[in-house]
Amino acid sequence: MHAKKLDKLATAVLYTIMRCHRGHLASFDSLYLGERVTAHLLVFLDWKSSSYQAGGGIRIQLYNSFFLFGHYLNYLCAFIYGGWRIPR
């Protein structure tokens, strides 16, 4: 019985060490991505879009995508709510 308790304790300790190590690695990765990638991504998103030149941003395309998504979602919600409230 003592060996089983000792084995479970050792396993728990090793799992705790592994989780802490993974947490540190994940935090370092996210900090690196936050520092290095976000600046480049924001510049790319904020540039004026240009379909005939290289290096243009995608600001207008993103706006149009979210605009259409919002209208489509509005239409679908009205259609769904109206569909199940039909009197029978």
Protein backbone atom coordinates (compact mmCIF):
# COMPACT_ATOMS: atom_id res chain seq x y z
CA MET A 1 0.00 0.00 0.00
CA HIS A 2 2.86 2.36 0.75
CA ALA A 3 4.38 1.82 -2.68
CA LYS A 4 1.11 2.75 -4.44
CA LYS A 5 0.80 6.01 -2.49
CA LEU A 6 4.43 6.86 -3.18
CA ASP A 7 3.94 6.11 -6.89
CA LYS A 8 0.85 8.33 -7.10
CA LEU A 9 2.68 11.12 -5.27
CA ALA A 10 5.67 10.90 -7.59
CA THR A 11 3.40 10.89 -10.62
CA ALA A 12 1.56 13.96 -9.35
CA VAL A 13 4.83 15.78 -8.73
CA LEU A 14 6.14 14.97 -12.20
CA TYR A 15 2.85 16.04 -13.82
CA THR A 16 2.98 19.31 -11.89
CA ILE A 17 6.54 19.98 -13.04
CA MET A 18 5.53 19.17 -16.63
CA ARG A 19 2.54 21.51 -16.49
CA CYS A 20 4.65 24.34 -15.11
CA HIS A 21 7.24 23.79 -17.83
CA ARG A 22 4.57 23.79 -20.55
CA GLY A 23 3.05 26.94 -19.09
CA HIS A 24 6.38 28.74 -19.18
CA LEU A 25 7.00 27.66 -22.76
CA ALA A 26 3.53 28.75 -23.83
CA SER A 27 3.91 32.14 -22.16
CA PHE A 28 7.30 32.73 -23.80
CA ASP A 29 5.88 31.76 -27.18
CA SER A 30 2.91 34.07 -26.78
CA LEU A 31 5.12 36.95 -25.65
CA TYR A 32 7.38 36.43 -28.65
CA LEU A 33 4.43 36.38 -31.02
CA GLY A 34 2.91 39.39 -29.35
CA GLU A 35 6.09 41.40 -29.66
CA ARG A 36 7.31 40.39 -33.11
CA VAL A 37 4.24 39.53 -35.15
CA THR A 38 1.58 41.93 -33.92
CA ALA A 39 3.41 45.04 -35.09
CA HIS A 40 3.80 43.68 -38.61
CA LEU A 41 0.24 42.42 -38.70
CA LEU A 42 -1.22 45.75 -37.60
CA VAL A 43 0.76 47.62 -40.24
CA PHE A 44 -0.50 45.20 -42.90
CA LEU A 45 -4.11 45.55 -41.76
CA ASP A 46 -3.94 49.33 -41.57
CA TRP A 47 -2.43 50.06 -44.99
CA LYS A 48 -4.74 51.19 -47.75
CA SER A 49 -5.77 48.29 -49.90
CA SER A 50 -4.53 48.16 -53.44
CA SER A 51 -5.50 45.50 -55.96
CA TYR A 52 -3.13 46.68 -58.67
CA GLN A 53 0.07 47.15 -56.64
CA ALA A 54 2.07 44.75 -54.54
CA GLY A 55 2.13 45.28 -50.78
CA GLY A 56 -1.35 46.69 -50.30
CA GLY A 57 -3.23 46.10 -47.07
CA ILE A 58 -6.59 44.43 -46.62
CA ARG A 59 -8.42 47.08 -44.59
CA ILE A 60 -11.34 47.59 -46.99
CA GLN A 61 -11.73 43.88 -47.69
CA LEU A 62 -11.94 43.13 -43.97
CA TYR A 63 -14.49 45.89 -43.46
CA ASN A 64 -16.61 44.57 -46.32
CA SER A 65 -16.39 41.03 -45.00
CA PHE A 66 -17.56 41.99 -41.51
CA PHE A 67 -20.21 44.32 -42.94
CA LEU A 68 -21.68 41.55 -45.08
CA PHE A 69 -21.42 39.07 -42.21
CA GLY A 70 -23.39 41.42 -39.96
CA HIS A 71 -26.14 41.91 -42.52
CA TYR A 72 -26.28 38.21 -43.28
CA LEU A 73 -26.49 37.40 -39.58
CA ASN A 74 -29.25 39.99 -39.11
CA TYR A 75 -31.20 38.48 -42.00
CA LEU A 76 -30.76 34.93 -40.74
CA CYS A 77 -31.81 35.78 -37.18
CA ALA A 78 -34.97 37.47 -38.43
CA PHE A 79 -35.68 34.54 -40.74
CA ILE A 80 -35.14 31.93 -38.01
CA TYR A 81 -37.17 33.75 -35.36
CA GLY A 82 -39.95 34.43 -37.83
CA GLY A 83 -39.93 30.82 -38.96
CA TRP A 84 -40.59 29.23 -35.61
CA ARG A 85 -43.17 31.81 -34.50
CA ILE A 86 -45.61 30.96 -37.25
CA PRO A 87 -49.03 30.26 -35.72
CA ARG A 88 -50.27 26.73 -36.29
